[in-house]
């Protein structure tokens, strides 16, 4: 079973009750944000991809004449990849959009076209569009990307499919299981590995399945 750090108590309770492997702690995937002061338009928040082995349990607390079940959890261990997180996926889309906008500006302005990576306003607009595209693709197979006046009076339009996004991020997605493997190894729980078939990769407010 995989539980994410964005689960509320109700979701955790449901997740716990549907666990088919008895007495086995769950693997929780989460993103831990570690921010630093931005230096320029190409700087962004550093997000770490972390995996925690969490033991969910409960105890009975007497309240007046009634007994109340109180849920609790204990973090057994944590492993992480400091260079893998939501911003890494955003950056992959961002680079693609930068390339497309550069080609569009060059087509419209010819030799007078500037290097778009040196235009902070355009870079910022593309970064916002990249993050939005990632979030939309969590629930849709394709998303349009439109930016009015992306550079001066040039409008930018593009499309991105989930399949293309996955292909663009193939190297990042291949790194997702590594912290899980390390966690199971460090906690001597390799026996759980055959029963761990699926995980949700939670990136900010977006999910990658």
N, C-alpha and C. Protein backbone atom coordinates (compact mmCIF):
# COMPACT_ATOMS: atom_id res chain seq x y z
N UNK A 1 0.84 -1.19 0.00
CA UNK A 1 0.00 0.00 0.00
C UNK A 1 0.88 1.24 0.00
N UNK A 2 0.46 2.24 -0.74
CA UNK A 2 1.18 3.50 -0.76
C UNK A 2 0.26 4.59 -0.27
N UNK A 3 0.70 5.35 0.71
CA UNK A 3 -0.06 6.48 1.23
C UNK A 3 0.77 7.73 1.05
N UNK A 4 0.15 8.82 0.66
CA UNK A 4 0.90 10.05 0.42
C UNK A 4 0.74 11.02 1.58
N UNK A 5 1.68 11.97 1.67
CA UNK A 5 1.66 12.94 2.75
C UNK A 5 0.50 13.91 2.63
N UNK A 6 -0.18 13.94 1.47
CA UNK A 6 -1.31 14.85 1.29
C UNK A 6 -2.62 14.21 1.76
N UNK A 7 -2.59 12.95 2.18
CA UNK A 7 -3.80 12.29 2.65
C UNK A 7 -4.28 12.94 3.95
N UNK A 8 -5.62 13.15 4.05
CA UNK A 8 -6.17 13.58 5.33
C UNK A 8 -6.45 12.34 6.18
N UNK A 9 -6.97 12.56 7.41
CA UNK A 9 -7.15 11.43 8.32
C UNK A 9 -8.12 10.41 7.76
N UNK A 10 -9.18 10.89 7.08
CA UNK A 10 -10.17 9.99 6.50
C UNK A 10 -9.55 9.08 5.45
N UNK A 11 -8.70 9.67 4.60
CA UNK A 11 -8.05 8.88 3.55
C UNK A 11 -7.09 7.87 4.17
N UNK A 12 -6.36 8.29 5.21
CA UNK A 12 -5.43 7.37 5.85
C UNK A 12 -6.18 6.20 6.46
N UNK A 13 -7.34 6.49 7.09
CA UNK A 13 -8.13 5.44 7.71
C UNK A 13 -8.62 4.45 6.68
N UNK A 14 -9.13 4.98 5.54
CA UNK A 14 -9.60 4.12 4.46
C UNK A 14 -8.46 3.29 3.91
N UNK A 15 -7.31 3.95 3.70
CA UNK A 15 -6.14 3.26 3.17
C UNK A 15 -5.71 2.15 4.12
N UNK A 16 -5.73 2.44 5.42
CA UNK A 16 -5.31 1.45 6.41
C UNK A 16 -6.23 0.24 6.42
N UNK A 17 -7.54 0.49 6.28
CA UNK A 17 -8.51 -0.59 6.37
C UNK A 17 -8.51 -1.49 5.14
N UNK A 18 -7.92 -0.98 4.03
CA UNK A 18 -7.90 -1.78 2.80
C UNK A 18 -6.57 -2.48 2.58
N UNK A 19 -5.66 -2.38 3.53
CA UNK A 19 -4.37 -3.04 3.39
C UNK A 19 -4.55 -4.55 3.43
N UNK A 20 -4.11 -5.24 2.39
CA UNK A 20 -4.32 -6.69 2.33
C UNK A 20 -3.15 -7.48 2.90
N UNK A 21 -2.01 -6.81 3.14
CA UNK A 21 -0.86 -7.47 3.76
C UNK A 21 -0.85 -7.10 5.24
N UNK A 22 -1.17 -8.02 6.15
CA UNK A 22 -1.27 -7.69 7.57
C UNK A 22 0.07 -7.33 8.20
N UNK A 23 0.02 -6.35 9.11
CA UNK A 23 1.16 -5.94 9.94
C UNK A 23 2.36 -5.45 9.13
N UNK A 24 2.11 -4.99 7.92
CA UNK A 24 3.21 -4.45 7.11
C UNK A 24 3.06 -2.93 7.06
N UNK A 25 4.09 -2.17 7.47
CA UNK A 25 4.01 -0.71 7.39
C UNK A 25 3.85 -0.26 5.95
N UNK A 26 3.34 0.93 5.76
CA UNK A 26 3.11 1.47 4.43
C UNK A 26 4.29 2.34 4.01
N UNK A 27 4.45 2.47 2.69
CA UNK A 27 5.44 3.38 2.15
C UNK A 27 4.73 4.67 1.78
N UNK A 28 5.20 5.77 2.32
CA UNK A 28 4.57 7.05 2.01
C UNK A 28 5.52 7.87 1.14
N UNK A 29 5.01 8.35 0.01
CA UNK A 29 5.79 9.17 -0.89
C UNK A 29 5.40 10.62 -0.68
N UNK A 30 6.38 11.49 -0.55
CA UNK A 30 6.05 12.89 -0.35
C UNK A 30 7.14 13.77 -0.92
N UNK A 31 6.83 15.03 -1.10
CA UNK A 31 7.81 16.01 -1.56
C UNK A 31 8.09 16.98 -0.44
N UNK A 32 9.35 17.10 -0.05
CA UNK A 32 9.73 18.02 1.00
C UNK A 32 10.37 19.24 0.35
N UNK A 33 9.77 20.39 0.53
CA UNK A 33 10.28 21.61 -0.11
C UNK A 33 11.38 22.24 0.72
N UNK A 34 12.51 22.51 0.07
CA UNK A 34 13.59 23.24 0.71
C UNK A 34 13.89 24.44 -0.17
N UNK A 35 13.52 25.62 0.27
CA UNK A 35 13.64 26.80 -0.59
C UNK A 35 14.92 27.56 -0.31
N UNK A 36 15.37 28.29 -1.32
CA UNK A 36 16.51 29.17 -1.13
C UNK A 36 16.20 30.48 -1.83
N UNK A 37 16.94 31.52 -1.52
CA UNK A 37 16.68 32.84 -2.10
C UNK A 37 16.99 32.82 -3.58
N UNK A 38 16.01 33.17 -4.44
CA UNK A 38 16.26 33.17 -5.89
C UNK A 38 17.26 34.25 -6.27
N UNK A 39 18.18 33.92 -7.18
CA UNK A 39 19.20 34.87 -7.61
C UNK A 39 18.81 35.52 -8.93
N UNK A 40 18.12 34.78 -9.77
CA UNK A 40 17.73 35.32 -11.07
C UNK A 40 16.52 34.60 -11.59
N UNK A 41 16.14 34.89 -12.85
CA UNK A 41 14.93 34.31 -13.43
C UNK A 41 15.06 32.81 -13.63
N UNK A 42 16.30 32.30 -13.69
CA UNK A 42 16.49 30.87 -13.93
C UNK A 42 16.60 30.09 -12.63
N UNK A 43 16.45 30.76 -11.48
CA UNK A 43 16.52 30.08 -10.20
C UNK A 43 15.12 29.75 -9.72
N UNK A 44 14.97 28.65 -9.01
CA UNK A 44 13.66 28.25 -8.53
C UNK A 44 13.79 27.49 -7.23
N UNK A 45 12.65 27.17 -6.62
CA UNK A 45 12.64 26.45 -5.35
C UNK A 45 13.14 25.03 -5.54
N UNK A 46 14.01 24.60 -4.66
CA UNK A 46 14.52 23.23 -4.69
C UNK A 46 13.55 22.33 -3.95
N UNK A 47 13.11 21.27 -4.60
CA UNK A 47 12.18 20.33 -3.98
C UNK A 47 12.82 18.96 -3.92
N UNK A 48 12.79 18.35 -2.76
CA UNK A 48 13.39 17.03 -2.57
C UNK A 48 12.32 15.95 -2.60
N UNK A 49 12.60 14.87 -3.32
CA UNK A 49 11.69 13.74 -3.36
C UNK A 49 12.07 12.80 -2.22
N UNK A 50 11.16 12.62 -1.26
CA UNK A 50 11.45 11.80 -0.09
C UNK A 50 10.45 10.67 0.04
N UNK A 51 10.91 9.55 0.56
CA UNK A 51 10.05 8.39 0.81
C UNK A 51 10.20 8.00 2.27
N UNK A 52 9.07 7.88 2.96
CA UNK A 52 9.09 7.52 4.38
C UNK A 52 8.38 6.19 4.60
N UNK A 53 8.95 5.36 5.44
CA UNK A 53 8.29 4.13 5.86
C UNK A 53 7.53 4.47 7.14
N UNK A 54 6.20 4.36 7.07
CA UNK A 54 5.34 4.82 8.16
C UNK A 54 4.51 3.67 8.71
N UNK A 55 4.50 3.53 10.03
CA UNK A 55 3.65 2.51 10.68
C UNK A 55 2.41 3.20 11.22
N UNK A 56 1.25 2.84 10.68
CA UNK A 56 -0.02 3.37 11.16
C UNK A 56 -0.57 2.44 12.24
N UNK A 57 -1.10 3.03 13.31
CA UNK A 57 -1.73 2.25 14.38
C UNK A 57 -2.78 3.12 15.07
N UNK A 58 -3.41 2.58 16.09
CA UNK A 58 -4.44 3.33 16.81
C UNK A 58 -4.50 2.86 18.26
N UNK A 59 -5.10 3.68 19.10
CA UNK A 59 -5.29 3.30 20.50
C UNK A 59 -6.65 3.83 20.95
N UNK A 60 -7.15 3.27 22.03
CA UNK A 60 -8.46 3.65 22.57
C UNK A 60 -8.29 4.67 23.69
N UNK A 61 -9.00 5.78 23.57
CA UNK A 61 -8.96 6.81 24.61
C UNK A 61 -10.38 7.00 25.15
N UNK A 62 -10.50 6.97 26.45
CA UNK A 62 -11.80 7.10 27.08
C UNK A 62 -12.17 8.58 27.21
N UNK A 63 -13.32 8.95 26.67
CA UNK A 63 -13.82 10.31 26.77
C UNK A 63 -15.21 10.27 27.40
N UNK A 64 -15.23 10.59 28.68
CA UNK A 64 -16.49 10.48 29.40
C UNK A 64 -16.88 9.02 29.53
N UNK A 65 -18.08 8.70 29.03
CA UNK A 65 -18.56 7.32 29.09
C UNK A 65 -18.29 6.56 27.79
N UNK A 66 -17.66 7.25 26.84
CA UNK A 66 -17.43 6.62 25.54
C UNK A 66 -15.94 6.41 25.28
N UNK A 67 -15.66 5.40 24.47
CA UNK A 67 -14.29 5.14 24.04
C UNK A 67 -14.11 5.68 22.62
N UNK A 68 -13.01 6.38 22.40
CA UNK A 68 -12.73 6.96 21.09
C UNK A 68 -11.43 6.37 20.55
N UNK A 69 -11.47 5.96 19.28
CA UNK A 69 -10.28 5.42 18.64
C UNK A 69 -9.44 6.56 18.07
N UNK A 70 -8.19 6.65 18.50
CA UNK A 70 -7.28 7.70 18.07
C UNK A 70 -6.23 7.10 17.14
N UNK A 71 -6.14 7.62 15.92
CA UNK A 71 -5.14 7.14 14.98
C UNK A 71 -3.79 7.81 15.22
N UNK A 72 -2.74 7.09 14.94
CA UNK A 72 -1.41 7.65 15.10
C UNK A 72 -0.46 6.98 14.10
N UNK A 73 0.67 7.61 13.86
CA UNK A 73 1.65 7.03 12.95
C UNK A 73 3.06 7.28 13.49
N UNK A 74 3.96 6.42 13.09
CA UNK A 74 5.36 6.53 13.50
C UNK A 74 6.23 6.37 12.26
N UNK A 75 7.08 7.36 12.00
CA UNK A 75 7.99 7.29 10.86
C UNK A 75 9.16 6.40 11.23
N UNK A 76 9.29 5.29 10.53
CA UNK A 76 10.34 4.31 10.83
C UNK A 76 11.67 4.69 10.18
N UNK A 77 11.60 5.19 8.97
CA UNK A 77 12.82 5.56 8.24
C UNK A 77 12.45 6.43 7.05
N UNK A 78 13.43 7.18 6.54
CA UNK A 78 13.21 8.05 5.38
C UNK A 78 14.43 8.04 4.49
N UNK A 79 14.20 7.95 3.20
CA UNK A 79 15.27 8.13 2.21
C UNK A 79 14.80 9.17 1.21
N UNK A 80 15.73 9.75 0.47
CA UNK A 80 15.33 10.83 -0.44
C UNK A 80 16.33 11.02 -1.57
N UNK A 81 15.85 11.72 -2.58
CA UNK A 81 16.69 12.14 -3.71
C UNK A 81 16.62 13.66 -3.73
N UNK A 82 17.71 14.32 -3.40
CA UNK A 82 17.70 15.77 -3.24
C UNK A 82 17.51 16.53 -4.55
N UNK A 83 17.71 15.88 -5.67
CA UNK A 83 17.61 16.58 -6.94
C UNK A 83 16.37 16.17 -7.74
N UNK A 84 15.49 15.41 -7.12
CA UNK A 84 14.28 14.97 -7.81
C UNK A 84 13.05 15.46 -7.06
N UNK A 85 12.19 16.21 -7.76
CA UNK A 85 10.98 16.73 -7.14
C UNK A 85 10.12 17.44 -8.16
N UNK A 86 9.10 18.14 -7.70
CA UNK A 86 8.17 18.79 -8.60
C UNK A 86 8.81 19.77 -9.57
N UNK A 87 9.80 20.53 -9.08
CA UNK A 87 10.45 21.52 -9.93
C UNK A 87 11.23 20.87 -11.07
N UNK A 88 11.73 19.66 -10.85
CA UNK A 88 12.47 18.96 -11.91
C UNK A 88 11.55 18.66 -13.08
N UNK A 89 10.30 18.28 -12.79
CA UNK A 89 9.33 18.00 -13.85
C UNK A 89 8.87 19.29 -14.52
N UNK A 90 8.69 20.35 -13.71
CA UNK A 90 8.35 21.66 -14.28
C UNK A 90 9.42 22.12 -15.25
N UNK A 91 10.68 21.94 -14.83
CA UNK A 91 11.80 22.41 -15.64
C UNK A 91 11.88 21.70 -16.98
N UNK A 92 11.49 20.43 -17.01
CA UNK A 92 11.51 19.68 -18.27
C UNK A 92 10.55 20.30 -19.28
N UNK A 93 9.34 20.63 -18.81
CA UNK A 93 8.36 21.29 -19.70
C UNK A 93 8.83 22.68 -20.05
N UNK A 94 9.39 23.38 -19.07
CA UNK A 94 9.86 24.76 -19.26
C UNK A 94 10.90 24.84 -20.38
N UNK A 95 11.84 23.91 -20.40
CA UNK A 95 12.87 23.90 -21.44
C UNK A 95 12.26 23.71 -22.82
N UNK A 96 11.25 22.86 -22.90
CA UNK A 96 10.58 22.63 -24.18
C UNK A 96 9.88 23.89 -24.67
N UNK A 97 9.18 24.56 -23.74
CA UNK A 97 8.46 25.79 -24.10
C UNK A 97 9.43 26.90 -24.49
N UNK A 98 10.55 27.00 -23.81
CA UNK A 98 11.57 27.99 -24.17
C UNK A 98 12.04 27.79 -25.60
N UNK A 99 12.28 26.53 -25.96
CA UNK A 99 12.74 26.22 -27.31
C UNK A 99 11.70 26.59 -28.35
N UNK A 100 10.43 26.28 -28.05
CA UNK A 100 9.35 26.59 -28.99
C UNK A 100 9.15 28.10 -29.13
N UNK A 101 9.21 28.82 -28.01
CA UNK A 101 9.03 30.27 -28.08
C UNK A 101 10.20 30.92 -28.82
N UNK A 102 11.41 30.41 -28.58
CA UNK A 102 12.58 30.96 -29.27
C UNK A 102 12.42 30.83 -30.79
N UNK A 103 11.93 29.66 -31.22
CA UNK A 103 11.72 29.44 -32.66
C UNK A 103 10.65 30.38 -33.20
N UNK A 104 9.59 30.60 -32.41
CA UNK A 104 8.50 31.48 -32.84
C UNK A 104 8.97 32.92 -32.96
N UNK A 105 9.72 33.38 -31.97
CA UNK A 105 10.23 34.76 -31.99
C UNK A 105 11.19 34.96 -33.16
N UNK A 106 12.04 33.98 -33.40
CA UNK A 106 12.98 34.07 -34.52
C UNK A 106 12.25 34.12 -35.85
N UNK A 107 11.15 33.36 -35.95
CA UNK A 107 10.36 33.36 -37.18
C UNK A 107 9.74 34.72 -37.44
N UNK A 108 9.31 35.39 -36.36
CA UNK A 108 8.66 36.70 -36.50
C UNK A 108 9.64 37.86 -36.60
N UNK A 109 10.80 37.74 -35.97
CA UNK A 109 11.72 38.87 -35.89
C UNK A 109 13.01 38.67 -36.66
N UNK A 110 13.23 37.46 -37.14
CA UNK A 110 14.44 37.20 -37.91
C UNK A 110 15.70 37.39 -37.09
N UNK A 111 16.69 38.07 -37.67
CA UNK A 111 17.99 38.25 -37.01
C UNK A 111 17.91 39.17 -35.79
N UNK A 112 16.81 39.89 -35.63
CA UNK A 112 16.64 40.78 -34.49
C UNK A 112 16.10 40.04 -33.25
N UNK A 113 15.82 38.77 -33.40
CA UNK A 113 15.26 38.00 -32.28
C UNK A 113 16.28 37.88 -31.16
N UNK A 114 15.87 38.18 -29.91
CA UNK A 114 16.79 38.06 -28.77
C UNK A 114 16.85 36.62 -28.27
N UNK A 115 17.79 36.35 -27.40
CA UNK A 115 17.85 35.07 -26.71
C UNK A 115 16.79 35.11 -25.60
N UNK A 116 15.73 34.32 -25.76
CA UNK A 116 14.59 34.37 -24.84
C UNK A 116 15.00 34.06 -23.40
N UNK A 117 16.03 33.25 -23.22
CA UNK A 117 16.46 32.91 -21.87
C UNK A 117 17.01 34.12 -21.11
N UNK A 118 17.27 35.22 -21.83
CA UNK A 118 17.76 36.43 -21.18
C UNK A 118 16.64 37.45 -20.94
N UNK A 119 15.40 37.04 -21.24
CA UNK A 119 14.25 37.93 -21.05
C UNK A 119 13.46 37.44 -19.84
N UNK A 120 13.70 37.99 -18.65
CA UNK A 120 13.07 37.48 -17.42
C UNK A 120 11.55 37.37 -17.47
N UNK A 121 10.89 38.35 -18.07
CA UNK A 121 9.43 38.33 -18.12
C UNK A 121 8.92 37.14 -18.92
N UNK A 122 9.52 36.87 -20.05
CA UNK A 122 9.12 35.74 -20.88
C UNK A 122 9.43 34.42 -20.19
N UNK A 123 10.60 34.34 -19.55
CA UNK A 123 11.00 33.12 -18.84
C UNK A 123 10.02 32.82 -17.71
N UNK A 124 9.62 33.88 -17.00
CA UNK A 124 8.67 33.71 -15.89
C UNK A 124 7.31 33.24 -16.38
N UNK A 125 6.82 33.80 -17.48
CA UNK A 125 5.53 33.40 -18.05
C UNK A 125 5.56 31.93 -18.45
N UNK A 126 6.66 31.50 -19.04
CA UNK A 126 6.77 30.11 -19.47
C UNK A 126 6.85 29.16 -18.28
N UNK A 127 7.50 29.61 -17.19
CA UNK A 127 7.59 28.76 -16.00
C UNK A 127 6.20 28.53 -15.39
N UNK A 128 5.39 29.59 -15.32
CA UNK A 128 4.03 29.47 -14.81
C UNK A 128 3.21 28.53 -15.70
N UNK A 129 3.36 28.68 -17.02
CA UNK A 129 2.62 27.83 -17.96
C UNK A 129 3.06 26.37 -17.84
N UNK A 130 4.35 26.15 -17.60
CA UNK A 130 4.87 24.78 -17.47
C UNK A 130 4.26 24.09 -16.25
N UNK A 131 4.22 24.80 -15.14
CA UNK A 131 3.65 24.22 -13.92
C UNK A 131 2.16 23.91 -14.11
N UNK A 132 1.44 24.83 -14.75
CA UNK A 132 0.01 24.62 -14.98
C UNK A 132 -0.21 23.42 -15.89
N UNK A 133 0.61 23.29 -16.92
CA UNK A 133 0.48 22.17 -17.85
C UNK A 133 0.68 20.84 -17.12
N UNK A 134 1.67 20.79 -16.24
CA UNK A 134 1.92 19.56 -15.47
C UNK A 134 0.71 19.19 -14.63
N UNK A 135 0.10 20.18 -13.98
CA UNK A 135 -1.05 19.92 -13.13
C UNK A 135 -2.25 19.44 -13.95
N UNK A 136 -2.47 20.07 -15.11
CA UNK A 136 -3.60 19.68 -15.97
C UNK A 136 -3.42 18.26 -16.49
N UNK A 137 -2.19 17.88 -16.81
CA UNK A 137 -1.93 16.55 -17.35
C UNK A 137 -2.12 15.45 -16.32
N UNK A 138 -2.23 15.82 -15.05
CA UNK A 138 -2.50 14.82 -14.02
C UNK A 138 -3.91 14.26 -14.15
N UNK A 139 -4.81 15.03 -14.77
CA UNK A 139 -6.20 14.60 -14.90
C UNK A 139 -6.66 14.52 -16.35
N UNK A 140 -5.81 14.92 -17.30
CA UNK A 140 -6.19 14.96 -18.70
C UNK A 140 -5.08 14.37 -19.57
N UNK A 141 -5.48 13.85 -20.72
CA UNK A 141 -4.52 13.24 -21.62
C UNK A 141 -3.76 14.26 -22.44
N UNK A 142 -4.28 15.47 -22.54
CA UNK A 142 -3.64 16.51 -23.35
C UNK A 142 -4.03 17.87 -22.82
N UNK A 143 -3.19 18.86 -23.00
CA UNK A 143 -3.51 20.22 -22.55
C UNK A 143 -3.00 21.24 -23.56
N UNK A 144 -3.80 22.28 -23.83
CA UNK A 144 -3.30 23.39 -24.65
C UNK A 144 -2.48 24.32 -23.77
N UNK A 145 -1.50 24.97 -24.32
CA UNK A 145 -0.68 25.94 -23.60
C UNK A 145 -0.73 27.25 -24.37
N UNK A 146 -1.33 28.26 -23.77
CA UNK A 146 -1.51 29.55 -24.43
C UNK A 146 -0.99 30.68 -23.56
N UNK A 147 -0.18 31.55 -24.14
CA UNK A 147 0.35 32.72 -23.42
C UNK A 147 0.18 33.94 -24.31
N UNK A 148 -0.67 34.83 -23.90
CA UNK A 148 -0.86 36.07 -24.65
C UNK A 148 0.35 36.98 -24.42
N UNK A 149 0.87 37.54 -25.52
CA UNK A 149 2.03 38.44 -25.45
C UNK A 149 3.19 37.79 -24.69
N UNK A 150 3.53 36.60 -25.08
CA UNK A 150 4.63 35.89 -24.43
C UNK A 150 5.92 36.69 -24.53
N UNK A 151 6.11 37.33 -25.69
CA UNK A 151 7.22 38.27 -25.85
C UNK A 151 6.74 39.41 -26.73
N UNK A 152 6.76 40.61 -26.16
CA UNK A 152 6.22 41.79 -26.82
C UNK A 152 4.78 41.51 -27.26
N UNK A 153 4.47 41.60 -28.54
CA UNK A 153 3.09 41.35 -28.99
C UNK A 153 2.94 39.98 -29.64
N UNK A 154 3.89 39.09 -29.40
CA UNK A 154 3.85 37.74 -29.99
C UNK A 154 3.15 36.79 -29.03
N UNK A 155 2.03 36.21 -29.50
CA UNK A 155 1.29 35.24 -28.70
C UNK A 155 1.88 33.84 -28.92
N UNK A 156 1.88 33.06 -27.83
CA UNK A 156 2.45 31.72 -27.89
C UNK A 156 1.36 30.68 -27.69
N UNK A 157 1.32 29.68 -28.57
CA UNK A 157 0.35 28.59 -28.46
C UNK A 157 1.04 27.27 -28.75
N UNK A 158 0.74 26.30 -27.91
CA UNK A 158 1.32 24.97 -28.08
C UNK A 158 0.38 23.95 -27.46
N UNK A 159 0.70 22.67 -27.61
CA UNK A 159 -0.06 21.59 -26.99
C UNK A 159 0.92 20.56 -26.44
N UNK A 160 0.50 19.89 -25.38
CA UNK A 160 1.34 18.86 -24.79
C UNK A 160 0.47 17.70 -24.34
N UNK A 161 0.82 16.50 -24.75
CA UNK A 161 0.06 15.31 -24.34
C UNK A 161 0.74 14.66 -23.15
N UNK A 162 -0.02 13.88 -22.41
CA UNK A 162 0.55 13.17 -21.27
C UNK A 162 1.61 12.17 -21.73
N UNK A 163 1.36 11.52 -22.86
CA UNK A 163 2.32 10.56 -23.39
C UNK A 163 3.66 11.23 -23.70
N UNK A 164 3.60 12.40 -24.32
CA UNK A 164 4.82 13.15 -24.63
C UNK A 164 5.52 13.60 -23.36
N UNK A 165 4.73 14.04 -22.39
CA UNK A 165 5.28 14.48 -21.10
C UNK A 165 6.03 13.34 -20.42
N UNK A 166 5.42 12.15 -20.41
CA UNK A 166 6.07 10.99 -19.80
C UNK A 166 7.39 10.68 -20.51
N UNK A 167 7.38 10.78 -21.83
CA UNK A 167 8.58 10.49 -22.60
C UNK A 167 9.67 11.53 -22.29
N UNK A 168 9.26 12.80 -22.16
CA UNK A 168 10.21 13.86 -21.83
C UNK A 168 10.84 13.64 -20.45
N UNK A 169 10.05 13.10 -19.54
CA UNK A 169 10.49 12.92 -18.15
C UNK A 169 10.94 11.50 -17.85
N UNK A 170 11.21 10.72 -18.89
CA UNK A 170 11.54 9.31 -18.70
C UNK A 170 12.70 9.13 -17.74
N UNK A 171 13.74 9.96 -17.87
CA UNK A 171 14.90 9.81 -17.00
C UNK A 171 14.57 10.13 -15.55
N UNK A 172 13.64 11.08 -15.32
CA UNK A 172 13.22 11.42 -13.96
C UNK A 172 12.37 10.31 -13.36
N UNK A 173 11.44 9.79 -14.15
CA UNK A 173 10.55 8.74 -13.65
C UNK A 173 11.31 7.47 -13.31
N UNK A 174 12.38 7.20 -14.05
CA UNK A 174 13.18 6.01 -13.76
C UNK A 174 13.90 6.11 -12.42
N UNK A 175 14.04 7.34 -11.92
CA UNK A 175 14.72 7.54 -10.63
C UNK A 175 13.76 7.43 -9.44
N UNK A 176 12.45 7.47 -9.69
CA UNK A 176 11.47 7.45 -8.60
C UNK A 176 11.57 6.20 -7.73
N UNK A 177 11.70 4.98 -8.29
CA UNK A 177 11.74 3.78 -7.43
C UNK A 177 13.00 3.65 -6.58
N UNK A 178 14.07 4.37 -6.94
CA UNK A 178 15.35 4.16 -6.26
C UNK A 178 15.29 4.45 -4.76
N UNK A 179 14.68 5.58 -4.31
CA UNK A 179 14.58 5.79 -2.86
C UNK A 179 13.74 4.72 -2.17
N UNK A 180 12.72 4.19 -2.87
CA UNK A 180 11.89 3.13 -2.29
C UNK A 180 12.73 1.88 -2.08
N UNK A 181 13.53 1.53 -3.08
CA UNK A 181 14.39 0.35 -2.98
C UNK A 181 15.38 0.51 -1.82
N UNK A 182 15.96 1.71 -1.69
CA UNK A 182 16.91 1.96 -0.61
C UNK A 182 16.24 1.84 0.75
N UNK A 183 15.00 2.37 0.82
CA UNK A 183 14.26 2.33 2.08
C UNK A 183 13.99 0.89 2.52
N UNK A 184 13.53 0.07 1.59
CA UNK A 184 13.24 -1.32 1.92
C UNK A 184 14.51 -2.07 2.30
N UNK A 185 15.62 -1.71 1.65
CA UNK A 185 16.89 -2.35 1.97
C UNK A 185 17.38 -1.95 3.36
N UNK A 186 17.29 -0.65 3.66
CA UNK A 186 17.78 -0.15 4.95
C UNK A 186 16.96 -0.69 6.13
N UNK A 187 15.68 -0.96 5.88
CA UNK A 187 14.81 -1.44 6.96
C UNK A 187 14.62 -2.95 6.92
N UNK A 188 15.43 -3.61 6.06
CA UNK A 188 15.39 -5.07 5.96
C UNK A 188 13.98 -5.59 5.65
N UNK A 189 13.32 -4.91 4.71
CA UNK A 189 11.95 -5.30 4.34
C UNK A 189 11.86 -5.64 2.86
N UNK A 190 12.93 -6.21 2.31
CA UNK A 190 12.91 -6.57 0.90
C UNK A 190 11.79 -7.55 0.57
N UNK A 191 11.31 -8.28 1.59
CA UNK A 191 10.25 -9.26 1.36
C UNK A 191 8.96 -8.59 0.90
N UNK A 192 8.81 -7.29 1.19
CA UNK A 192 7.59 -6.55 0.79
C UNK A 192 7.63 -6.21 -0.69
N UNK A 193 8.84 -6.13 -1.27
CA UNK A 193 9.00 -5.66 -2.64
C UNK A 193 8.11 -6.36 -3.66
N UNK A 194 7.95 -7.69 -3.64
CA UNK A 194 7.08 -8.34 -4.64
C UNK A 194 5.62 -7.89 -4.56
N UNK A 195 5.19 -7.42 -3.40
CA UNK A 195 3.80 -6.99 -3.25
C UNK A 195 3.58 -5.52 -3.51
N UNK A 196 4.66 -4.79 -3.81
CA UNK A 196 4.54 -3.35 -4.08
C UNK A 196 4.50 -3.15 -5.59
N UNK A 197 3.30 -2.99 -6.12
CA UNK A 197 3.12 -2.96 -7.57
C UNK A 197 2.95 -1.55 -8.14
N UNK A 198 2.36 -0.65 -7.37
CA UNK A 198 2.02 0.66 -7.90
C UNK A 198 2.29 1.74 -6.87
N UNK A 199 2.68 2.91 -7.35
CA UNK A 199 2.88 4.05 -6.46
C UNK A 199 2.39 5.31 -7.15
N UNK A 200 1.87 6.25 -6.37
CA UNK A 200 1.51 7.56 -6.88
C UNK A 200 2.65 8.51 -6.57
N UNK A 201 3.16 9.19 -7.58
CA UNK A 201 4.20 10.18 -7.38
C UNK A 201 3.53 11.54 -7.22
N UNK A 202 3.59 12.08 -6.01
CA UNK A 202 2.89 13.33 -5.72
C UNK A 202 3.85 14.49 -5.87
N UNK A 203 3.49 15.42 -6.75
CA UNK A 203 4.37 16.55 -7.02
C UNK A 203 3.59 17.82 -6.78
N UNK A 204 3.75 18.40 -5.60
CA UNK A 204 2.96 19.56 -5.25
C UNK A 204 1.49 19.20 -5.22
N UNK A 205 0.68 19.88 -6.04
CA UNK A 205 -0.75 19.59 -6.11
C UNK A 205 -1.06 18.66 -7.28
N UNK A 206 -0.04 18.13 -7.94
CA UNK A 206 -0.27 17.29 -9.11
C UNK A 206 0.16 15.86 -8.83
N UNK A 207 -0.51 14.94 -9.51
CA UNK A 207 -0.19 13.52 -9.38
C UNK A 207 0.32 12.98 -10.69
N UNK A 208 1.33 12.12 -10.62
CA UNK A 208 1.77 11.38 -11.80
C UNK A 208 1.55 9.91 -11.49
N UNK A 209 0.78 9.23 -12.34
CA UNK A 209 0.44 7.83 -12.07
C UNK A 209 1.36 6.91 -12.85
